[in-house]
Amino acid sequence: MSVIAFGLAGLLRSAIAALGILITVPIIVGTGILQWPQVLRLLPDQAALSLLGAPGYDVTALPPAAAALVLATWAGLCLAAYALALIRRDT
């Protein structure tokens, strides 16, 4: 989760925006506003809970290996986007 936050902070040029996103997503999921369990299980907060063995909901549970892969994918995508933004900003 910290690598995802780092990538978002670099991409958005604001640590507050990245933290806001990572705090708002679980609140929206927890209140039940979004009703897409197949998509929700791929969000970083739900994958992290599944990795720890304490999924938030039964419908969003992932096996630990799949949860680790989802988190690694999120981290890789956020860092790649940050690297692209950093390269484009400096040229």
PDB file of N, CA and C in Angstrom:
ATOM      1  N   MET A   1       0.821  -1.192   0.000  1.00  0.00           N
ATOM      2  CA  MET A   1       0.000   0.000   0.000  1.00  0.00           C
ATOM      3  C   MET A   1       0.867   1.259   0.000  1.00  0.00           C
ATOM      4  N   SER A   2       2.008   1.204   0.669  1.00  0.00           N
ATOM      5  CA  SER A   2       2.859   2.397   0.700  1.00  0.00           C
ATOM      6  C   SER A   2       3.467   2.680  -0.673  1.00  0.00           C
ATOM      7  N   VAL A   3       3.780   1.649  -1.437  1.00  0.00           N
ATOM      8  CA  VAL A   3       4.321   1.859  -2.785  1.00  0.00           C
ATOM      9  C   VAL A   3       3.234   2.448  -3.686  1.00  0.00           C
ATOM     10  N   ILE A   4       2.003   1.989  -3.511  1.00  0.00           N
ATOM     11  CA  ILE A   4       0.895   2.545  -4.283  1.00  0.00           C
ATOM     12  C   ILE A   4       0.709   4.023  -3.926  1.00  0.00           C
ATOM     13  N   ALA A   5       0.761   4.337  -2.638  1.00  0.00           N
ATOM     14  CA  ALA A   5       0.622   5.728  -2.205  1.00  0.00           C
ATOM     15  C   ALA A   5       1.767   6.583  -2.734  1.00  0.00           C
ATOM     16  N   PHE A   6       2.991   6.046  -2.742  1.00  0.00           N
ATOM     17  CA  PHE A   6       4.138   6.778  -3.269  1.00  0.00           C
ATOM     18  C   PHE A   6       3.950   7.072  -4.750  1.00  0.00           C
ATOM     19  N   GLY A   7       3.528   6.071  -5.508  1.00  0.00           N
ATOM     20  CA  GLY A   7       3.307   6.269  -6.934  1.00  0.00           C
ATOM     21  C   GLY A   7       2.214   7.287  -7.214  1.00  0.00           C
ATOM     22  N   LEU A   8       1.111   7.203  -6.457  1.00  0.00           N
ATOM     23  CA  LEU A   8       0.035   8.176  -6.637  1.00  0.00           C
ATOM     24  C   LEU A   8       0.474   9.577  -6.234  1.00  0.00           C
ATOM     25  N   ALA A   9       1.246   9.682  -5.149  1.00  0.00           N
ATOM     26  CA  ALA A   9       1.714  10.999  -4.698  1.00  0.00           C
ATOM     27  C   ALA A   9       2.614  11.646  -5.737  1.00  0.00           C
ATOM     28  N   GLY A  10       3.483  10.859  -6.353  1.00  0.00           N
ATOM     29  CA  GLY A  10       4.347  11.413  -7.392  1.00  0.00           C
ATOM     30  C   GLY A  10       3.574  11.790  -8.637  1.00  0.00           C
ATOM     31  N   LEU A  11       2.601  10.969  -8.986  1.00  0.00           N
ATOM     32  CA  LEU A  11       1.805  11.230 -10.181  1.00  0.00           C
ATOM     33  C   LEU A  11       0.920  12.458  -9.998  1.00  0.00           C
ATOM     34  N   LEU A  12       0.309  12.576  -8.848  1.00  0.00           N
ATOM     35  CA  LEU A  12      -0.605  13.684  -8.592  1.00  0.00           C
ATOM     36  C   LEU A  12       0.091  14.920  -8.038  1.00  0.00           C
ATOM     37  N   ARG A  13       1.383  14.791  -7.739  1.00  0.00           N
ATOM     38  CA  ARG A  13       2.189  15.869  -7.152  1.00  0.00           C
ATOM     39  C   ARG A  13       1.648  16.328  -5.804  1.00  0.00           C
ATOM     40  N   SER A  14       1.004  15.419  -5.094  1.00  0.00           N
ATOM     41  CA  SER A  14       0.449  15.772  -3.801  1.00  0.00           C
ATOM     42  C   SER A  14       0.258  14.521  -2.965  1.00  0.00           C
ATOM     43  N   ALA A  15       0.889  14.481  -1.809  1.00  0.00           N
ATOM     44  CA  ALA A  15       0.716  13.349  -0.904  1.00  0.00           C
ATOM     45  C   ALA A  15      -0.688  13.367  -0.308  1.00  0.00           C
ATOM     46  N   ILE A  16      -1.255  14.537  -0.154  1.00  0.00           N
ATOM     47  CA  ILE A  16      -2.589  14.641   0.423  1.00  0.00           C
ATOM     48  C   ILE A  16      -3.630  14.035  -0.509  1.00  0.00           C
ATOM     49  N   ALA A  17      -3.495  14.254  -1.802  1.00  0.00           N
ATOM     50  CA  ALA A  17      -4.447  13.674  -2.763  1.00  0.00           C
ATOM     51  C   ALA A  17      -4.349  12.151  -2.761  1.00  0.00           C
ATOM     52  N   ALA A  18      -3.131  11.612  -2.707  1.00  0.00           N
ATOM     53  CA  ALA A  18      -2.962  10.158  -2.684  1.00  0.00           C
ATOM     54  C   ALA A  18      -3.572   9.566  -1.424  1.00  0.00           C
ATOM     55  N   LEU A  19      -3.330  10.178  -0.283  1.00  0.00           N
ATOM     56  CA  LEU A  19      -3.919   9.691   0.958  1.00  0.00           C
ATOM     57  C   LEU A  19      -5.432   9.830   0.934  1.00  0.00           C
ATOM     58  N   GLY A  20      -5.913  10.902   0.348  1.00  0.00           N
ATOM     59  CA  GLY A  20      -7.360  11.083   0.228  1.00  0.00           C
ATOM     60  C   GLY A  20      -8.004   9.973  -0.582  1.00  0.00           C
ATOM     61  N   ILE A  21      -7.358   9.593  -1.671  1.00  0.00           N
ATOM     62  CA  ILE A  21      -7.883   8.507  -2.504  1.00  0.00           C
ATOM     63  C   ILE A  21      -7.866   7.196  -1.728  1.00  0.00           C
ATOM     64  N   LEU A  22      -6.750   6.897  -1.064  1.00  0.00           N
ATOM     65  CA  LEU A  22      -6.628   5.630  -0.357  1.00  0.00           C
ATOM     66  C   LEU A  22      -7.506   5.559   0.889  1.00  0.00           C
ATOM     67  N   ILE A  23      -7.943   6.688   1.403  1.00  0.00           N
ATOM     68  CA  ILE A  23      -8.862   6.697   2.539  1.00  0.00           C
ATOM     69  C   ILE A  23     -10.309   6.686   2.064  1.00  0.00           C
ATOM     70  N   THR A  24     -10.599   7.370   0.973  1.00  0.00           N
ATOM     71  CA  THR A  24     -11.962   7.469   0.469  1.00  0.00           C
ATOM     72  C   THR A  24     -12.462   6.157  -0.119  1.00  0.00           C
ATOM     73  N   VAL A  25     -11.611   5.418  -0.811  1.00  0.00           N
ATOM     74  CA  VAL A  25     -12.041   4.172  -1.453  1.00  0.00           C
ATOM     75  C   VAL A  25     -12.602   3.172  -0.440  1.00  0.00           C
ATOM     76  N   PRO A  26     -11.924   2.881   0.684  1.00  0.00           N
ATOM     77  CA  PRO A  26     -12.523   1.940   1.640  1.00  0.00           C
ATOM     78  C   PRO A  26     -13.825   2.462   2.268  1.00  0.00           C
ATOM     79  N   ILE A  27     -13.937   3.772   2.422  1.00  0.00           N
ATOM     80  CA  ILE A  27     -15.175   4.320   2.976  1.00  0.00           C
ATOM     81  C   ILE A  27     -16.330   4.085   2.006  1.00  0.00           C
ATOM     82  N   ILE A  28     -16.085   4.316   0.730  1.00  0.00           N
ATOM     83  CA  ILE A  28     -17.125   4.091  -0.279  1.00  0.00           C
ATOM     84  C   ILE A  28     -17.492   2.614  -0.351  1.00  0.00           C
ATOM     85  N   VAL A  29     -16.489   1.744  -0.281  1.00  0.00           N
ATOM     86  CA  VAL A  29     -16.751   0.308  -0.320  1.00  0.00           C
ATOM     87  C   VAL A  29     -17.500  -0.123   0.937  1.00  0.00           C
ATOM     88  N   GLY A  30     -17.081   0.382   2.099  1.00  0.00           N
ATOM     89  CA  GLY A  30     -17.682  -0.021   3.364  1.00  0.00           C
ATOM     90  C   GLY A  30     -19.130   0.410   3.520  1.00  0.00           C
ATOM     91  N   THR A  31     -19.498   1.516   2.917  1.00  0.00           N
ATOM     92  CA  THR A  31     -20.876   1.987   3.029  1.00  0.00           C
ATOM     93  C   THR A  31     -21.817   1.261   2.081  1.00  0.00           C
ATOM     94  N   GLY A  32     -21.268   0.521   1.136  1.00  0.00           N
ATOM     95  CA  GLY A  32     -22.108  -0.240   0.223  1.00  0.00           C
ATOM     96  C   GLY A  32     -22.608   0.546  -0.961  1.00  0.00           C
ATOM     97  N   ILE A  33     -22.006   1.705  -1.224  1.00  0.00           N
ATOM     98  CA  ILE A  33     -22.433   2.512  -2.375  1.00  0.00           C
ATOM     99  C   ILE A  33     -22.145   1.759  -3.672  1.00  0.00           C
ATOM    100  N   LEU A  34     -20.977   1.153  -3.748  1.00  0.00           N
ATOM    101  CA  LEU A  34     -20.612   0.376  -4.937  1.00  0.00           C
ATOM    102  C   LEU A  34     -21.003  -1.081  -4.730  1.00  0.00           C
ATOM    103  N   GLN A  35     -21.685  -1.656  -5.667  1.00  0.00           N
ATOM    104  CA  GLN A  35     -22.176  -3.024  -5.545  1.00  0.00           C
ATOM    105  C   GLN A  35     -21.610  -3.944  -6.630  1.00  0.00           C
ATOM    106  N   TRP A  36     -20.309  -3.863  -6.889  1.00  0.00           N
ATOM    107  CA  TRP A  36     -19.670  -4.698  -7.896  1.00  0.00           C
ATOM    108  C   TRP A  36     -18.587  -5.540  -7.239  1.00  0.00           C
ATOM    109  N   PRO A  37     -18.947  -6.647  -6.583  1.00  0.00           N
ATOM    110  CA  PRO A  37     -17.941  -7.411  -5.839  1.00  0.00           C
ATOM    111  C   PRO A  37     -16.815  -7.961  -6.714  1.00  0.00           C
ATOM    112  N   GLN A  38     -17.091  -8.247  -7.986  1.00  0.00           N
ATOM    113  CA  GLN A  38     -16.035  -8.764  -8.859  1.00  0.00           C
ATOM    114  C   GLN A  38     -14.963  -7.712  -9.104  1.00  0.00           C
ATOM    115  N   VAL A  39     -15.341  -6.439  -9.126  1.00  0.00           N
ATOM    116  CA  VAL A  39     -14.389  -5.359  -9.334  1.00  0.00           C
ATOM    117  C   VAL A  39     -13.792  -4.906  -8.003  1.00  0.00           C
ATOM    118  N   LEU A  40     -14.607  -4.877  -6.963  1.00  0.00           N
ATOM    119  CA  LEU A  40     -14.153  -4.407  -5.660  1.00  0.00           C
ATOM    120  C   LEU A  40     -13.029  -5.258  -5.096  1.00  0.00           C
ATOM    121  N   ARG A  41     -13.028  -6.532  -5.386  1.00  0.00           N
ATOM    122  CA  ARG A  41     -11.973  -7.396  -4.851  1.00  0.00           C
ATOM    123  C   ARG A  41     -10.603  -7.067  -5.431  1.00  0.00           C
ATOM    124  N   LEU A  42     -10.564  -6.314  -6.518  1.00  0.00           N
ATOM    125  CA  LEU A  42      -9.293  -5.942  -7.128  1.00  0.00           C
ATOM    126  C   LEU A  42      -8.774  -4.586  -6.653  1.00  0.00           C
ATOM    127  N   LEU A  43      -9.505  -3.916  -5.769  1.00  0.00           N
ATOM    128  CA  LEU A  43      -9.030  -2.660  -5.200  1.00  0.00           C
ATOM    129  C   LEU A  43      -7.931  -2.956  -4.180  1.00  0.00           C
ATOM    130  N   PRO A  44      -6.984  -2.036  -4.011  1.00  0.00           N
ATOM    131  CA  PRO A  44      -5.846  -2.322  -3.139  1.00  0.00           C
ATOM    132  C   PRO A  44      -6.215  -2.602  -1.686  1.00  0.00           C
ATOM    133  N   ASP A  45      -7.203  -1.903  -1.143  1.00  0.00           N
ATOM    134  CA  ASP A  45      -7.549  -2.128   0.260  1.00  0.00           C
ATOM    135  C   ASP A  45      -8.153  -3.510   0.475  1.00  0.00           C
ATOM    136  N   GLN A  46      -9.000  -3.957  -0.438  1.00  0.00           N
ATOM    137  CA  GLN A  46      -9.606  -5.279  -0.304  1.00  0.00           C
ATOM    138  C   GLN A  46      -8.577  -6.387  -0.537  1.00  0.00           C
ATOM    139  N   ALA A  47      -7.655  -6.178  -1.478  1.00  0.00           N
ATOM    140  CA  ALA A  47      -6.597  -7.160  -1.718  1.00  0.00           C
ATOM    141  C   ALA A  47      -5.670  -7.269  -0.508  1.00  0.00           C
ATOM    142  N   ALA A  48      -5.374  -6.128   0.121  1.00  0.00           N
ATOM    143  CA  ALA A  48      -4.514  -6.149   1.304  1.00  0.00           C
ATOM    144  C   ALA A  48      -5.189  -6.881   2.452  1.00  0.00           C
ATOM    145  N   LEU A  49      -6.482  -6.675   2.629  1.00  0.00           N
ATOM    146  CA  LEU A  49      -7.203  -7.409   3.674  1.00  0.00           C
ATOM    147  C   LEU A  49      -7.214  -8.903   3.389  1.00  0.00           C
ATOM    148  N   SER A  50      -7.387  -9.295   2.141  1.00  0.00           N
ATOM    149  CA  SER A  50      -7.355 -10.712   1.779  1.00  0.00           C
ATOM    150  C   SER A  50      -5.966 -11.300   1.984  1.00  0.00           C
ATOM    151  N   LEU A  51      -4.935 -10.519   1.708  1.00  0.00           N
ATOM    152  CA  LEU A  51      -3.566 -10.987   1.909  1.00  0.00           C
ATOM    153  C   LEU A  51      -3.297 -11.252   3.390  1.00  0.00           C
ATOM    154  N   LEU A  52      -3.872 -10.437   4.253  1.00  0.00           N
ATOM    155  CA  LEU A  52      -3.704 -10.624   5.693  1.00  0.00           C
ATOM    156  C   LEU A  52      -4.585 -11.739   6.253  1.00  0.00           C
ATOM    157  N   GLY A  53      -5.488 -12.269   5.425  1.00  0.00           N
ATOM    158  CA  GLY A  53      -6.367 -13.344   5.866  1.00  0.00           C
ATOM    159  C   GLY A  53      -7.612 -12.846   6.576  1.00  0.00           C
ATOM    160  N   ALA A  54      -7.924 -11.577   6.426  1.00  0.00           N
ATOM    161  CA  ALA A  54      -9.106 -10.992   7.059  1.00  0.00           C
ATOM    162  C   ALA A  54      -9.877 -10.182   6.035  1.00  0.00           C
ATOM    163  N   PRO A  55     -10.455 -10.841   5.011  1.00  0.00           N
ATOM    164  CA  PRO A  55     -11.162 -10.068   3.986  1.00  0.00           C
ATOM    165  C   PRO A  55     -12.329  -9.299   4.587  1.00  0.00           C
ATOM    166  N   GLY A  56     -12.571  -8.134   4.030  1.00  0.00           N
ATOM    167  CA  GLY A  56     -13.646  -7.291   4.529  1.00  0.00           C
ATOM    168  C   GLY A  56     -15.011  -7.948   4.371  1.00  0.00           C
ATOM    169  N   TYR A  57     -15.219  -8.630   3.274  1.00  0.00           N
ATOM    170  CA  TYR A  57     -16.493  -9.274   2.973  1.00  0.00           C
ATOM    171  C   TYR A  57     -16.193 -10.605   2.305  1.00  0.00           C
ATOM    172  N   ASP A  58     -17.113 -11.545   2.420  1.00  0.00           N
ATOM    173  CA  ASP A  58     -16.904 -12.851   1.786  1.00  0.00           C
ATOM    174  C   ASP A  58     -16.847 -12.750   0.272  1.00  0.00           C
ATOM    175  N   VAL A  59     -17.628 -11.844  -0.305  1.00  0.00           N
ATOM    176  CA  VAL A  59     -17.669 -11.726  -1.769  1.00  0.00           C
ATOM    177  C   VAL A  59     -16.416 -11.071  -2.339  1.00  0.00           C
ATOM    178  N   THR A  60     -15.649 -10.367  -1.506  1.00  0.00           N
ATOM    179  CA  THR A  60     -14.428  -9.727  -2.000  1.00  0.00           C
ATOM    180  C   THR A  60     -13.173 -10.492  -1.608  1.00  0.00           C
ATOM    181  N   ALA A  61     -13.316 -11.666  -1.036  1.00  0.00           N
ATOM    182  CA  ALA A  61     -12.151 -12.444  -0.602  1.00  0.00           C
ATOM    183  C   ALA A  61     -11.382 -12.976  -1.807  1.00  0.00           C
ATOM    184  N   LEU A  62     -10.062 -12.930  -1.697  1.00  0.00           N
ATOM    185  CA  LEU A  62      -9.158 -13.479  -2.705  1.00  0.00           C
ATOM    186  C   LEU A  62      -8.204 -14.442  -2.004  1.00  0.00           C
ATOM    187  N   PRO A  63      -7.717 -15.452  -2.716  1.00  0.00           N
ATOM    188  CA  PRO A  63      -6.656 -16.274  -2.136  1.00  0.00           C
ATOM    189  C   PRO A  63      -5.407 -15.417  -1.902  1.00  0.00           C
ATOM    190  N   PRO A  64      -4.584 -15.747  -0.912  1.00  0.00           N
ATOM    191  CA  PRO A  64      -3.413 -14.916  -0.609  1.00  0.00           C
ATOM    192  C   PRO A  64      -2.477 -14.682  -1.800  1.00  0.00           C
ATOM    193  N   ALA A  65      -2.267 -15.706  -2.613  1.00  0.00           N
ATOM    194  CA  ALA A  65      -1.376 -15.538  -3.771  1.00  0.00           C
ATOM    195  C   ALA A  65      -1.970 -14.547  -4.770  1.00  0.00           C
ATOM    196  N   ALA A  66      -3.264 -14.631  -5.006  1.00  0.00           N
ATOM    197  CA  ALA A  66      -3.913 -13.707  -5.932  1.00  0.00           C
ATOM    198  C   ALA A  66      -3.910 -12.287  -5.363  1.00  0.00           C
ATOM    199  N   ALA A  67      -4.110 -12.165  -4.060  1.00  0.00           N
ATOM    200  CA  ALA A  67      -4.088 -10.841  -3.431  1.00  0.00           C
ATOM    201  C   ALA A  67      -2.709 -10.211  -3.549  1.00  0.00           C
ATOM    202  N   ALA A  68      -1.657 -10.995  -3.358  1.00  0.00           N
ATOM    203  CA  ALA A  68      -0.295 -10.479  -3.508  1.00  0.00           C
ATOM    204  C   ALA A  68      -0.047 -10.040  -4.944  1.00  0.00           C
ATOM    205  N   LEU A  69      -0.543 -10.793  -5.906  1.00  0.00           N
ATOM    206  CA  LEU A  69      -0.388 -10.428  -7.311  1.00  0.00           C
ATOM    207  C   LEU A  69      -1.143  -9.140  -7.640  1.00  0.00           C
ATOM    208  N   VAL A  70      -2.339  -8.985  -7.095  1.00  0.00           N
ATOM    209  CA  VAL A  70      -3.120  -7.764  -7.317  1.00  0.00           C
ATOM    210  C   VAL A  70      -2.388  -6.556  -6.739  1.00  0.00           C
ATOM    211  N   LEU A  71      -1.869  -6.689  -5.516  1.00  0.00           N
ATOM    212  CA  LEU A  71      -1.138  -5.576  -4.903  1.00  0.00           C
ATOM    213  C   LEU A  71       0.144  -5.249  -5.672  1.00  0.00           C
ATOM    214  N   ALA A  72       0.844  -6.269  -6.129  1.00  0.00           N
ATOM    215  CA  ALA A  72       2.060  -6.039  -6.910  1.00  0.00           C
ATOM    216  C   ALA A  72       1.728  -5.347  -8.236  1.00  0.00           C
ATOM    217  N   THR A  73       0.611  -5.715  -8.841  1.00  0.00           N
ATOM    218  CA  THR A  73       0.188  -5.087 -10.084  1.00  0.00           C
ATOM    219  C   THR A  73      -0.158  -3.615  -9.854  1.00  0.00           C
ATOM    220  N   TRP A  74      -0.907  -3.320  -8.782  1.00  0.00           N
ATOM    221  CA  TRP A  74      -1.217  -1.930  -8.446  1.00  0.00           C
ATOM    222  C   TRP A  74       0.056  -1.133  -8.225  1.00  0.00           C
ATOM    223  N   ALA A  75       0.981  -1.702  -7.456  1.00  0.00           N
ATOM    224  CA  ALA A  75       2.235  -1.000  -7.172  1.00  0.00           C
ATOM    225  C   ALA A  75       3.020  -0.747  -8.457  1.00  0.00           C
ATOM    226  N   GLY A  76       3.110  -1.753  -9.309  1.00  0.00           N
ATOM    227  CA  GLY A  76       3.835  -1.600 -10.569  1.00  0.00           C
ATOM    228  C   GLY A  76       3.212  -0.545 -11.471  1.00  0.00           C
ATOM    229  N   LEU A  77       1.885  -0.556 -11.575  1.00  0.00           N
ATOM    230  CA  LEU A  77       1.204   0.431 -12.416  1.00  0.00           C
ATOM    231  C   LEU A  77       1.381   1.848 -11.879  1.00  0.00           C
ATOM    232  N   CYS A  78       1.259   2.009 -10.562  1.00  0.00           N
ATOM    233  CA  CYS A  78       1.413   3.354  -9.981  1.00  0.00           C
ATOM    234  C   CYS A  78       2.847   3.856 -10.122  1.00  0.00           C
ATOM    235  N   LEU A  79       3.826   2.983  -9.920  1.00  0.00           N
ATOM    236  CA  LEU A  79       5.217   3.403 -10.080  1.00  0.00           C
ATOM    237  C   LEU A  79       5.560   3.685 -11.536  1.00  0.00           C
ATOM    238  N   ALA A  80       5.008   2.895 -12.457  1.00  0.00           N
ATOM    239  CA  ALA A  80       5.247   3.147 -13.880  1.00  0.00           C
ATOM    240  C   ALA A  80       4.633   4.480 -14.306  1.00  0.00           C
ATOM    241  N   ALA A  81       3.423   4.763 -13.839  1.00  0.00           N
ATOM    242  CA  ALA A  81       2.790   6.042 -14.163  1.00  0.00           C
ATOM    243  C   ALA A  81       3.584   7.200 -13.575  1.00  0.00           C
ATOM    244  N   TYR A  82       4.084   7.011 -12.351  1.00  0.00           N
ATOM    245  CA  TYR A  82       4.902   8.045 -11.719  1.00  0.00           C
ATOM    246  C   TYR A  82       6.191   8.271 -12.505  1.00  0.00           C
ATOM    247  N   ALA A  83       6.839   7.185 -12.932  1.00  0.00           N
ATOM    248  CA  ALA A  83       8.079   7.313 -13.690  1.00  0.00           C
ATOM    249  C   ALA A  83       7.829   8.020 -15.023  1.00  0.00           C
ATOM    250  N   LEU A  84       6.753   7.680 -15.704  1.00  0.00           N
ATOM    251  CA  LEU A  84       6.417   8.355 -16.965  1.00  0.00           C
ATOM    252  C   LEU A  84       6.141   9.839 -16.744  1.00  0.00           C
ATOM    253  N   ALA A  85       5.412  10.157 -15.693  1.00  0.00           N
ATOM    254  CA  ALA A  85       5.119  11.560 -15.400  1.00  0.00           C
ATOM    255  C   ALA A  85       6.403  12.310 -15.046  1.00  0.00           C
ATOM    256  N   LEU A  86       7.284  11.670 -14.305  1.00  0.00           N
ATOM    257  CA  LEU A  86       8.539  12.309 -13.907  1.00  0.00           C
ATOM    258  C   LEU A  86       9.420  12.561 -15.121  1.00  0.00           C
ATOM    259  N   ILE A  87       9.502  11.600 -16.021  1.00  0.00           N
ATOM    260  CA  ILE A  87      10.314  11.766 -17.234  1.00  0.00           C
ATOM    261  C   ILE A  87       9.756  12.880 -18.114  1.00  0.00           C
ATOM    262  N   ARG A  88       8.448  12.918 -18.254  1.00  0.00           N
ATOM    263  CA  ARG A  88       7.817  13.951 -19.105  1.00  0.00           C
ATOM    264  C   ARG A  88       7.924  15.338 -18.497  1.00  0.00           C
ATOM    265  N   ARG A  89       7.885  15.427 -17.168  1.00  0.00           N
ATOM    266  CA  ARG A  89       7.987  16.719 -16.504  1.00  0.00           C
ATOM    267  C   ARG A  89       9.385  17.320 -16.657  1.00  0.00           C
ATOM    268  N   ASP A  90      10.407  16.468 -16.656  1.00  0.00           N
ATOM    269  CA  ASP A  90      11.781  16.948 -16.666  1.00  0.00           C
ATOM    270  C   ASP A  90      12.321  17.206 -18.060  1.00  0.00           C
ATOM    271  N   THR A  91      11.561  16.897 -19.095  1.00  0.00           N
ATOM    272  CA  THR A  91      12.067  17.138 -20.458  1.00  0.00           C
ATOM    273  C   THR A  91      11.467  18.371 -21.068  1.00  0.00           C
TER     274      THR A  91
END
